[in-house]
Amino acid sequence: MADAGSTSSGFAEPHRGGTRKWISLLAELPYFAIVVIGVVGVSWTNMLGVSVSTYWVTMTPIAALLCVCVGWAHLPRGRGRLEMMAIQFGQWAAVLVAMYLVHVSNSDGLVTHDAVGSILLTLLALGVSISGLDLRTWKLCVAGAFLALAVPFVAWFADAGLFIFLIGVVLIALGLLAWWGAHRAHRHG
């Protein structure tokens, strides 16, 4: 009888460990998604000439929702979650208003397409970083810092889109490798 119990727990343990591994990867997805939004935005608007204002004003609410999801996962149930949501939505509404004001103030076309994209990316990076500080989540701060570091690359290199895209792919791959290594060490340790 003892053998049957150990055998069944032996089969169940890898399944639970595998499930935990995938759940922990899902927990990391908001951070990767924010970086992907930035990388795709820089690449797409630079290389394809897509309207930067349309892209960033569409993607900023998605970044806001990802930040709210991160905050939701880190806070216990109750009033704290509602307060966090109110603060995050207020903050991201301010970021969107700032983006709108940049777009409206450039109605005469005095600022170049690339410069407007850099300004909007800076605002997105600021919003993500402030969310990271507010939620006390260092991973959001790192994602915001990556987006902020992308801004000078856009300004310094005329065709930086592909370069930034490749840096983003490398950073995401390194993040996935670190996650995989941590879970593998935890499983064997």
N, C-alpha and C. Protein backbone atom coordinates (compact mmCIF):
# COMPACT_ATOMS: atom_id res chain seq x y z
N MET A 1 0.82 -1.19 0.00
CA MET A 1 0.00 0.00 0.00
C MET A 1 0.87 1.26 0.00
N ALA A 2 1.99 1.20 0.74
CA ALA A 2 2.89 2.36 0.77
C ALA A 2 3.50 2.61 -0.60
N ASP A 3 3.76 1.52 -1.34
CA ASP A 3 4.31 1.67 -2.68
C ASP A 3 3.36 2.38 -3.61
N ALA A 4 2.08 2.05 -3.51
CA ALA A 4 1.09 2.68 -4.39
C ALA A 4 1.02 4.17 -4.13
N GLY A 5 1.10 4.56 -2.86
CA GLY A 5 1.05 5.99 -2.54
C GLY A 5 2.28 6.72 -3.05
N SER A 6 3.45 6.10 -2.90
CA SER A 6 4.66 6.78 -3.37
C SER A 6 4.69 6.83 -4.89
N THR A 7 4.16 5.78 -5.53
CA THR A 7 4.13 5.79 -6.99
C THR A 7 3.19 6.87 -7.50
N SER A 8 2.01 6.96 -6.87
CA SER A 8 1.07 7.97 -7.36
C SER A 8 1.59 9.37 -7.08
N SER A 9 2.25 9.57 -5.93
CA SER A 9 2.79 10.91 -5.68
C SER A 9 3.98 11.18 -6.59
N GLY A 10 4.71 10.11 -6.96
CA GLY A 10 5.83 10.29 -7.88
C GLY A 10 5.36 10.74 -9.24
N PHE A 11 4.18 10.23 -9.67
CA PHE A 11 3.66 10.67 -10.97
C PHE A 11 3.03 12.04 -10.88
N ALA A 12 2.43 12.36 -9.75
CA ALA A 12 1.72 13.63 -9.61
C ALA A 12 2.70 14.78 -9.45
N GLU A 13 3.83 14.54 -8.81
CA GLU A 13 4.77 15.63 -8.53
C GLU A 13 5.29 16.30 -9.80
N PRO A 14 5.76 15.55 -10.81
CA PRO A 14 6.22 16.25 -12.01
C PRO A 14 5.10 17.04 -12.67
N HIS A 15 3.88 16.51 -12.63
CA HIS A 15 2.76 17.24 -13.23
C HIS A 15 2.54 18.56 -12.49
N ARG A 16 2.55 18.51 -11.16
CA ARG A 16 2.35 19.74 -10.39
C ARG A 16 3.51 20.70 -10.62
N GLY A 17 4.74 20.15 -10.67
CA GLY A 17 5.90 21.00 -10.91
C GLY A 17 5.83 21.65 -12.29
N GLY A 18 5.39 20.87 -13.28
CA GLY A 18 5.25 21.43 -14.62
C GLY A 18 4.18 22.49 -14.68
N THR A 19 3.09 22.26 -13.95
CA THR A 19 2.01 23.25 -13.90
C THR A 19 2.51 24.51 -13.23
N ARG A 20 3.24 24.36 -12.13
CA ARG A 20 3.79 25.52 -11.43
C ARG A 20 4.74 26.30 -12.34
N LYS A 21 5.52 25.56 -13.11
CA LYS A 21 6.47 26.20 -14.02
C LYS A 21 5.74 27.08 -15.03
N TRP A 22 4.67 26.55 -15.61
CA TRP A 22 3.92 27.31 -16.62
C TRP A 22 3.17 28.47 -15.97
N ILE A 23 2.67 28.28 -14.76
CA ILE A 23 1.99 29.37 -14.06
C ILE A 23 2.98 30.49 -13.76
N SER A 24 4.20 30.12 -13.35
CA SER A 24 5.19 31.16 -13.08
C SER A 24 5.60 31.88 -14.36
N LEU A 25 5.61 31.17 -15.50
CA LEU A 25 5.90 31.83 -16.77
C LEU A 25 4.77 32.81 -17.11
N LEU A 26 3.53 32.41 -16.88
CA LEU A 26 2.40 33.31 -17.12
C LEU A 26 2.51 34.56 -16.25
N ALA A 27 3.03 34.41 -15.05
CA ALA A 27 3.20 35.56 -14.16
C ALA A 27 4.23 36.55 -14.72
N GLU A 28 5.16 36.06 -15.55
CA GLU A 28 6.18 36.92 -16.14
C GLU A 28 5.72 37.57 -17.45
N LEU A 29 4.64 37.08 -18.03
CA LEU A 29 4.20 37.57 -19.33
C LEU A 29 3.91 39.07 -19.39
N PRO A 30 3.31 39.68 -18.36
CA PRO A 30 3.06 41.13 -18.48
C PRO A 30 4.33 41.94 -18.72
N TYR A 31 5.43 41.55 -18.07
CA TYR A 31 6.68 42.29 -18.24
C TYR A 31 7.22 42.12 -19.66
N PHE A 32 7.18 40.88 -20.15
CA PHE A 32 7.62 40.62 -21.52
C PHE A 32 6.72 41.35 -22.52
N ALA A 33 5.42 41.35 -22.26
CA ALA A 33 4.48 41.99 -23.19
C ALA A 33 4.74 43.49 -23.27
N ILE A 34 5.05 44.11 -22.15
CA ILE A 34 5.33 45.56 -22.17
C ILE A 34 6.58 45.84 -23.01
N VAL A 35 7.61 45.02 -22.84
CA VAL A 35 8.83 45.20 -23.64
C VAL A 35 8.51 44.96 -25.11
N VAL A 36 7.73 43.94 -25.41
CA VAL A 36 7.36 43.65 -26.80
C VAL A 36 6.58 44.81 -27.40
N ILE A 37 5.65 45.39 -26.64
CA ILE A 37 4.90 46.55 -27.13
C ILE A 37 5.86 47.67 -27.53
N GLY A 38 6.85 47.92 -26.68
CA GLY A 38 7.82 48.97 -27.00
C GLY A 38 8.68 48.63 -28.19
N VAL A 39 9.19 47.40 -28.22
CA VAL A 39 10.06 46.97 -29.31
C VAL A 39 9.31 46.98 -30.63
N VAL A 40 8.13 46.42 -30.63
CA VAL A 40 7.32 46.40 -31.86
C VAL A 40 6.97 47.82 -32.28
N GLY A 41 6.63 48.65 -31.30
CA GLY A 41 6.27 50.04 -31.62
C GLY A 41 7.39 50.80 -32.29
N VAL A 42 8.59 50.68 -31.72
CA VAL A 42 9.74 51.37 -32.31
C VAL A 42 10.03 50.82 -33.69
N SER A 43 10.05 49.49 -33.79
CA SER A 43 10.37 48.86 -35.08
C SER A 43 9.31 49.16 -36.13
N TRP A 44 8.06 48.97 -35.76
CA TRP A 44 6.96 49.12 -36.69
C TRP A 44 6.86 50.55 -37.20
N THR A 45 6.91 51.51 -36.29
CA THR A 45 6.74 52.90 -36.70
C THR A 45 7.97 53.41 -37.45
N ASN A 46 9.17 52.92 -37.11
CA ASN A 46 10.38 53.37 -37.80
C ASN A 46 10.51 52.73 -39.18
N MET A 47 10.36 51.42 -39.23
CA MET A 47 10.64 50.72 -40.49
C MET A 47 9.49 50.81 -41.48
N LEU A 48 8.26 50.83 -40.99
CA LEU A 48 7.12 50.80 -41.90
C LEU A 48 6.44 52.16 -42.07
N GLY A 49 6.85 53.14 -41.28
CA GLY A 49 6.26 54.46 -41.39
C GLY A 49 4.81 54.54 -40.93
N VAL A 50 4.41 53.64 -40.04
CA VAL A 50 3.06 53.65 -39.50
C VAL A 50 2.90 54.87 -38.60
N SER A 51 1.69 55.38 -38.48
CA SER A 51 1.42 56.54 -37.63
C SER A 51 1.82 56.25 -36.19
N VAL A 52 2.78 57.00 -35.68
CA VAL A 52 3.25 56.76 -34.31
C VAL A 52 2.18 57.09 -33.29
N SER A 53 1.43 58.14 -33.52
CA SER A 53 0.40 58.53 -32.57
C SER A 53 -0.66 57.45 -32.43
N THR A 54 -1.10 56.91 -33.54
CA THR A 54 -2.11 55.85 -33.50
C THR A 54 -1.58 54.64 -32.75
N TYR A 55 -0.36 54.25 -33.04
CA TYR A 55 0.20 53.06 -32.38
C TYR A 55 0.29 53.26 -30.88
N TRP A 56 0.94 54.35 -30.45
CA TRP A 56 1.17 54.53 -29.01
C TRP A 56 -0.11 54.79 -28.25
N VAL A 57 -1.04 55.52 -28.83
CA VAL A 57 -2.30 55.77 -28.13
C VAL A 57 -3.14 54.50 -28.04
N THR A 58 -2.94 53.57 -28.96
CA THR A 58 -3.63 52.28 -28.89
C THR A 58 -2.94 51.35 -27.90
N MET A 59 -1.63 51.33 -27.89
CA MET A 59 -0.89 50.39 -27.05
C MET A 59 -0.77 50.84 -25.59
N THR A 60 -0.87 52.12 -25.33
CA THR A 60 -0.73 52.60 -23.95
C THR A 60 -1.82 52.03 -23.04
N PRO A 61 -3.09 51.98 -23.43
CA PRO A 61 -4.08 51.33 -22.55
C PRO A 61 -3.78 49.85 -22.32
N ILE A 62 -3.19 49.19 -23.30
CA ILE A 62 -2.82 47.79 -23.11
C ILE A 62 -1.70 47.70 -22.06
N ALA A 63 -0.71 48.58 -22.14
CA ALA A 63 0.35 48.61 -21.13
C ALA A 63 -0.24 48.92 -19.76
N ALA A 64 -1.21 49.81 -19.71
CA ALA A 64 -1.87 50.15 -18.44
C ALA A 64 -2.57 48.92 -17.86
N LEU A 65 -3.29 48.18 -18.69
CA LEU A 65 -3.96 46.98 -18.21
C LEU A 65 -2.96 45.93 -17.73
N LEU A 66 -1.84 45.82 -18.41
CA LEU A 66 -0.80 44.88 -17.96
C LEU A 66 -0.25 45.29 -16.59
N CYS A 67 -0.06 46.58 -16.39
CA CYS A 67 0.42 47.07 -15.08
C CYS A 67 -0.62 46.81 -13.99
N VAL A 68 -1.89 47.00 -14.32
CA VAL A 68 -2.95 46.71 -13.34
C VAL A 68 -2.96 45.22 -13.01
N CYS A 69 -2.76 44.37 -14.01
CA CYS A 69 -2.71 42.92 -13.76
C CYS A 69 -1.55 42.57 -12.83
N VAL A 70 -0.41 43.21 -13.02
CA VAL A 70 0.74 42.97 -12.14
C VAL A 70 0.38 43.40 -10.71
N GLY A 71 -0.20 44.57 -10.57
CA GLY A 71 -0.59 45.04 -9.24
C GLY A 71 -1.63 44.14 -8.60
N TRP A 72 -2.57 43.68 -9.39
CA TRP A 72 -3.64 42.79 -8.91
C TRP A 72 -3.05 41.51 -8.34
N ALA A 73 -2.06 40.97 -9.04
CA ALA A 73 -1.44 39.71 -8.60
C ALA A 73 -0.60 39.89 -7.33
N HIS A 74 -0.08 41.10 -7.10
CA HIS A 74 0.80 41.32 -5.96
C HIS A 74 0.08 41.77 -4.70
N LEU A 75 -1.18 42.14 -4.81
CA LEU A 75 -1.91 42.64 -3.64
C LEU A 75 -2.93 41.62 -3.15
N PRO A 76 -3.13 41.58 -1.84
CA PRO A 76 -4.18 40.69 -1.33
C PRO A 76 -5.55 41.23 -1.70
N ARG A 77 -6.54 40.35 -1.64
CA ARG A 77 -7.91 40.77 -1.95
C ARG A 77 -8.35 41.88 -1.01
N GLY A 78 -9.22 42.71 -1.54
CA GLY A 78 -9.79 43.75 -0.68
C GLY A 78 -9.64 45.13 -1.26
N ARG A 79 -9.72 46.08 -0.34
CA ARG A 79 -9.73 47.49 -0.73
C ARG A 79 -8.42 47.93 -1.40
N GLY A 80 -7.32 47.31 -1.03
CA GLY A 80 -6.04 47.68 -1.62
C GLY A 80 -6.03 47.53 -3.12
N ARG A 81 -6.69 46.50 -3.62
CA ARG A 81 -6.76 46.31 -5.07
C ARG A 81 -7.55 47.41 -5.74
N LEU A 82 -8.65 47.82 -5.13
CA LEU A 82 -9.46 48.90 -5.71
C LEU A 82 -8.69 50.21 -5.73
N GLU A 83 -7.98 50.49 -4.65
CA GLU A 83 -7.17 51.71 -4.60
C GLU A 83 -6.07 51.68 -5.65
N MET A 84 -5.41 50.51 -5.78
CA MET A 84 -4.36 50.36 -6.78
C MET A 84 -4.92 50.61 -8.18
N MET A 85 -6.09 50.03 -8.46
CA MET A 85 -6.69 50.22 -9.79
C MET A 85 -7.01 51.68 -10.04
N ALA A 86 -7.55 52.37 -9.05
CA ALA A 86 -7.88 53.79 -9.21
C ALA A 86 -6.62 54.61 -9.47
N ILE A 87 -5.56 54.33 -8.72
CA ILE A 87 -4.30 55.07 -8.91
C ILE A 87 -3.71 54.77 -10.29
N GLN A 88 -3.69 53.50 -10.68
CA GLN A 88 -3.13 53.13 -11.97
C GLN A 88 -3.93 53.73 -13.12
N PHE A 89 -5.25 53.65 -13.05
CA PHE A 89 -6.06 54.22 -14.14
C PHE A 89 -5.90 55.73 -14.20
N GLY A 90 -5.80 56.38 -13.05
CA GLY A 90 -5.56 57.83 -13.04
C GLY A 90 -4.22 58.19 -13.64
N GLN A 91 -3.21 57.44 -13.26
CA GLN A 91 -1.86 57.68 -13.79
C GLN A 91 -1.82 57.47 -15.29
N TRP A 92 -2.41 56.37 -15.76
CA TRP A 92 -2.37 56.08 -17.20
C TRP A 92 -3.26 57.02 -17.99
N ALA A 93 -4.32 57.51 -17.37
CA ALA A 93 -5.13 58.54 -18.05
C ALA A 93 -4.28 59.80 -18.25
N ALA A 94 -3.46 60.14 -17.26
CA ALA A 94 -2.57 61.30 -17.38
C ALA A 94 -1.55 61.09 -18.50
N VAL A 95 -1.03 59.87 -18.62
CA VAL A 95 -0.08 59.56 -19.69
C VAL A 95 -0.77 59.72 -21.05
N LEU A 96 -1.98 59.20 -21.16
CA LEU A 96 -2.71 59.33 -22.44
C LEU A 96 -3.02 60.79 -22.77
N VAL A 97 -3.38 61.58 -21.76
CA VAL A 97 -3.64 63.02 -21.99
C VAL A 97 -2.35 63.68 -22.47
N ALA A 98 -1.23 63.34 -21.86
CA ALA A 98 0.06 63.91 -22.29
C ALA A 98 0.37 63.52 -23.73
N MET A 99 0.08 62.27 -24.09
CA MET A 99 0.30 61.83 -25.47
C MET A 99 -0.60 62.59 -26.43
N TYR A 100 -1.83 62.77 -26.03
CA TYR A 100 -2.78 63.52 -26.86
C TYR A 100 -2.30 64.96 -27.05
N LEU A 101 -1.83 65.57 -25.97
CA LEU A 101 -1.35 66.96 -26.06
C LEU A 101 -0.12 67.06 -26.97
N VAL A 102 0.75 66.08 -26.95
CA VAL A 102 1.90 66.07 -27.86
C VAL A 102 1.40 66.00 -29.30
N HIS A 103 0.43 65.13 -29.54
CA HIS A 103 -0.12 64.98 -30.88
C HIS A 103 -0.82 66.26 -31.35
N VAL A 104 -1.64 66.84 -30.50
CA VAL A 104 -2.39 68.06 -30.87
C VAL A 104 -1.46 69.25 -31.05
N SER A 105 -0.43 69.34 -30.21
CA SER A 105 0.47 70.49 -30.32
C SER A 105 1.33 70.42 -31.57
N ASN A 106 1.39 69.27 -32.19
CA ASN A 106 2.15 69.12 -33.43
C ASN A 106 1.25 69.17 -34.66
N SER A 107 0.13 69.81 -34.56
CA SER A 107 -0.80 69.85 -35.70
C SER A 107 -0.21 70.57 -36.90
N ASP A 108 0.73 71.45 -36.67
CA ASP A 108 1.38 72.15 -37.79
C ASP A 108 2.51 71.33 -38.40
N GLY A 109 2.83 70.20 -37.81
CA GLY A 109 3.88 69.34 -38.35
C GLY A 109 5.28 69.87 -38.11
N LEU A 110 5.46 70.67 -37.06
CA LEU A 110 6.79 71.22 -36.79
C LEU A 110 7.77 70.18 -36.26
N VAL A 111 7.24 69.16 -35.60
CA VAL A 111 8.09 68.11 -35.05
C VAL A 111 8.03 66.92 -36.01
N THR A 112 9.17 66.31 -36.28
CA THR A 112 9.23 65.22 -37.24
C THR A 112 8.50 63.98 -36.70
N HIS A 113 8.18 63.09 -37.63
CA HIS A 113 7.53 61.82 -37.32
C HIS A 113 8.34 61.03 -36.30
N ASP A 114 9.66 60.94 -36.50
CA ASP A 114 10.52 60.19 -35.59
C ASP A 114 10.59 60.84 -34.21
N ALA A 115 10.62 62.17 -34.16
CA ALA A 115 10.69 62.86 -32.87
C ALA A 115 9.40 62.66 -32.07
N VAL A 116 8.26 62.69 -32.73
CA VAL A 116 6.99 62.44 -32.03
C VAL A 116 6.98 61.02 -31.48
N GLY A 117 7.46 60.07 -32.26
CA GLY A 117 7.55 58.68 -31.79
C GLY A 117 8.43 58.56 -30.56
N SER A 118 9.55 59.27 -30.55
CA SER A 118 10.45 59.24 -29.39
C SER A 118 9.80 59.86 -28.17
N ILE A 119 9.08 60.93 -28.36
CA ILE A 119 8.39 61.58 -27.24
C ILE A 119 7.33 60.64 -26.67
N LEU A 120 6.57 60.01 -27.53
CA LEU A 120 5.51 59.11 -27.05
C LEU A 120 6.10 57.87 -26.39
N LEU A 121 7.19 57.35 -26.91
CA LEU A 121 7.86 56.21 -26.27
C LEU A 121 8.40 56.62 -24.90
N THR A 122 8.92 57.83 -24.79
CA THR A 122 9.40 58.33 -23.50
C THR A 122 8.26 58.39 -22.49
N LEU A 123 7.10 58.87 -22.93
CA LEU A 123 5.95 58.93 -22.04
C LEU A 123 5.50 57.54 -21.60
N LEU A 124 5.52 56.58 -22.53
CA LEU A 124 5.17 55.21 -22.18
C LEU A 124 6.18 54.64 -21.17
N ALA A 125 7.46 54.87 -21.42
CA ALA A 125 8.50 54.40 -20.49
C ALA A 125 8.32 55.01 -19.11
N LEU A 126 8.00 56.29 -19.08
CA LEU A 126 7.76 56.97 -17.80
C LEU A 126 6.57 56.36 -17.08
N GLY A 127 5.49 56.11 -17.81
CA GLY A 127 4.30 55.50 -17.20
C GLY A 127 4.59 54.12 -16.62
N VAL A 128 5.34 53.30 -17.36
CA VAL A 128 5.68 51.95 -16.88
C VAL A 128 6.59 52.05 -15.65
N SER A 129 7.57 52.93 -15.69
CA SER A 129 8.48 53.09 -14.56
C SER A 129 7.75 53.57 -13.31
N ILE A 130 6.87 54.53 -13.47
CA ILE A 130 6.11 55.04 -12.32
C ILE A 130 5.20 53.94 -11.77
N SER A 131 4.61 53.15 -12.65
CA SER A 131 3.81 52.02 -12.19
C SER A 131 4.66 51.04 -11.38
N GLY A 132 5.87 50.78 -11.86
CA GLY A 132 6.78 49.90 -11.14
C GLY A 132 7.12 50.43 -9.76
N LEU A 133 7.35 51.73 -9.67
CA LEU A 133 7.65 52.33 -8.37
C LEU A 133 6.42 52.29 -7.46
N ASP A 134 5.27 52.65 -8.01
CA ASP A 134 4.04 52.66 -7.22
C ASP A 134 3.67 51.27 -6.72
N LEU A 135 3.84 50.27 -7.58
CA LEU A 135 3.48 48.90 -7.22
C LEU A 135 4.62 48.16 -6.53
N ARG A 136 5.77 48.84 -6.41
CA ARG A 136 6.96 48.24 -5.81
C ARG A 136 7.33 46.93 -6.50
N THR A 137 7.35 47.01 -7.82
CA THR A 137 7.66 45.85 -8.66
C THR A 137 8.86 46.21 -9.52
N TRP A 138 10.01 45.67 -9.16
CA TRP A 138 11.23 46.02 -9.86
C TRP A 138 11.20 45.61 -11.33
N LYS A 139 10.46 44.57 -11.65
CA LYS A 139 10.43 44.10 -13.04
C LYS A 139 9.76 45.13 -13.95
N LEU A 140 8.75 45.83 -13.44
CA LEU A 140 8.15 46.91 -14.23
C LEU A 140 9.14 48.06 -14.39
N CYS A 141 9.92 48.34 -13.36
CA CYS A 141 10.94 49.39 -13.47
C CYS A 141 11.96 49.03 -14.54
N VAL A 142 12.34 47.75 -14.60
CA VAL A 142 13.30 47.31 -15.61
C VAL A 142 12.68 47.43 -17.01
N ALA A 143 11.41 47.04 -17.15
CA ALA A 143 10.73 47.17 -18.45
C ALA A 143 10.67 48.64 -18.86
N GLY A 144 10.35 49.53 -17.92
CA GLY A 144 10.32 50.96 -18.21
C GLY A 144 11.69 51.49 -18.59
N ALA A 145 12.72 50.99 -17.89
CA ALA A 145 14.10 51.41 -18.21
C ALA A 145 14.50 50.96 -19.61
N PHE A 146 14.10 49.73 -19.98
CA PHE A 146 14.40 49.27 -21.34
C PHE A 146 13.73 50.18 -22.37
N LEU A 147 12.48 50.52 -22.15
CA LEU A 147 11.78 51.41 -23.08
C LEU A 147 12.46 52.77 -23.14
N ALA A 148 12.90 53.26 -21.97
CA ALA A 148 13.58 54.56 -21.94
C ALA A 148 14.91 54.50 -22.68
N LEU A 149 15.63 53.38 -22.54
CA LEU A 149 16.91 53.23 -23.25
C LEU A 149 16.71 53.10 -24.75
N ALA A 150 15.54 52.68 -25.17
CA ALA A 150 15.26 52.59 -26.60
C ALA A 150 15.16 53.97 -27.24
N VAL A 151 14.77 54.97 -26.46
CA VAL A 151 14.58 56.32 -27.01
C VAL A 151 15.86 56.89 -27.61
N PRO A 152 17.02 56.88 -26.93
CA PRO A 152 18.23 57.41 -27.57
C PRO A 152 18.64 56.63 -28.81
N PHE A 153 18.41 55.30 -28.80
CA PHE A 153 18.74 54.52 -30.00
C PHE A 153 17.93 55.01 -31.19
N VAL A 154 16.67 55.31 -30.94
CA VAL A 154 15.82 55.83 -32.03
C VAL A 154 16.36 57.17 -32.50
N ALA A 155 16.79 58.02 -31.58
CA ALA A 155 17.29 59.34 -31.95
C ALA A 155 18.67 59.27 -32.61
N TRP A 156 19.53 58.35 -32.16
CA TRP A 156 20.90 58.29 -32.68
C TRP A 156 21.03 57.59 -34.01
N PHE A 157 20.20 56.60 -34.25
CA PHE A 157 20.32 55.82 -35.47
C PHE A 157 19.08 55.99 -36.31
N ALA A 158 19.28 56.34 -37.55
CA ALA A 158 18.14 56.56 -38.44
C ALA A 158 17.31 55.29 -38.61
N ASP A 159 17.96 54.16 -38.74
CA ASP A 159 17.25 52.90 -38.93
C ASP A 159 17.41 52.01 -37.71
N ALA A 160 17.11 52.55 -36.54
CA ALA A 160 17.32 51.83 -35.28
C ALA A 160 16.25 50.78 -35.03
N GLY A 161 15.18 50.81 -35.77
CA GLY A 161 14.07 49.90 -35.50
C GLY A 161 14.49 48.44 -35.46
N LEU A 162 15.20 47.99 -36.46
CA LEU A 162 15.63 46.59 -36.50
C LEU A 162 16.61 46.29 -35.37
N PHE A 163 17.52 47.22 -35.10
CA PHE A 163 18.49 47.04 -34.04
C PHE A 163 17.80 46.90 -32.68
N ILE A 164 16.86 47.77 -32.40
CA ILE A 164 16.12 47.72 -31.14
C ILE A 164 15.29 46.45 -31.07
N PHE A 165 14.72 46.06 -32.19
CA PHE A 165 13.96 44.81 -32.22
C PHE A 165 14.85 43.63 -31.83
N LEU A 166 16.05 43.59 -32.38
CA LEU A 166 16.98 42.50 -32.07
C LEU A 166 17.42 42.54 -30.61
N ILE A 167 17.66 43.72 -30.06
CA ILE A 167 18.00 43.84 -28.64
C ILE A 167 16.84 43.32 -27.79
N GLY A 168 15.63 43.68 -28.15
CA GLY A 168 14.47 43.21 -27.41
C GLY A 168 14.33 41.70 -27.45
N VAL A 169 14.56 41.12 -28.62
CA VAL A 169 14.49 39.66 -28.75
C VAL A 169 15.54 39.01 -27.86
N VAL A 170 16.75 39.56 -27.85
CA VAL A 170 17.82 39.02 -27.01
C VAL A 170 17.45 39.14 -25.53
N LEU A 171 16.93 40.30 -25.10
CA LEU A 171 16.54 40.48 -23.70
C LEU A 171 15.42 39.52 -23.31
N ILE A 172 14.46 39.33 -24.18
CA ILE A 172 13.38 38.40 -23.87
C ILE A 172 13.92 36.98 -23.79
N ALA A 173 14.80 36.62 -24.70
CA ALA A 173 15.41 35.28 -24.66
C ALA A 173 16.21 35.09 -23.37
N LEU A 174 16.98 36.11 -22.96
CA LEU A 174 17.73 36.02 -21.71
C LEU A 174 16.80 35.90 -20.51
N GLY A 175 15.69 36.63 -20.53
CA GLY A 175 14.71 36.52 -19.46
C GLY A 175 14.11 35.13 -19.37
N LEU A 176 13.78 34.56 -20.52
CA LEU A 176 13.24 33.20 -20.54
C LEU A 176 14.27 32.18 -20.07
N LEU A 177 15.53 32.36 -20.46
CA LEU A 177 16.59 31.46 -20.00
C LEU A 177 16.79 31.57 -18.48
N ALA A 178 16.75 32.78 -17.96
CA ALA A 178 16.88 32.97 -16.51
C ALA A 178 15.72 32.31 -15.78
N TRP A 179 14.52 32.47 -16.33
CA TRP A 179 13.34 31.84 -15.72
C TRP A 179 13.48 30.32 -15.75
N TRP A 180 13.89 29.79 -16.87
CA TRP A 180 14.04 28.34 -17.02
C TRP A 180 15.12 27.83 -16.06
N GLY A 181 16.25 28.54 -15.97
CA GLY A 181 17.32 28.14 -15.06
C GLY A 181 16.91 28.18 -13.61
N ALA A 182 16.16 29.20 -13.23
CA ALA A 182 15.70 29.30 -11.84
C ALA A 182 14.77 28.14 -11.50
N HIS A 183 13.88 27.80 -12.41
CA HIS A 183 12.96 26.70 -12.14
C HIS A 183 13.65 25.35 -12.19
N ARG A 184 14.64 25.22 -13.01
CA ARG A 184 15.38 23.97 -13.07
C ARG A 184 16.21 23.79 -11.79
N ALA A 185 16.83 24.87 -11.31
CA ALA A 185 17.60 24.80 -10.07
C ALA A 185 16.68 24.52 -8.89
N HIS A 186 15.50 25.14 -8.90
CA HIS A 186 14.53 24.93 -7.81
C HIS A 186 14.06 23.48 -7.80
N ARG A 187 13.87 22.91 -8.97
CA ARG A 187 13.39 21.53 -9.08
C ARG A 187 14.46 20.56 -8.59
N HIS A 188 15.73 20.84 -8.88
CA HIS A 188 16.80 19.92 -8.50
C HIS A 188 17.31 20.20 -7.09
N GLY A 189 17.00 21.38 -6.56
CA GLY A 189 17.55 21.77 -5.26
C GLY A 189 16.72 21.42 -4.09
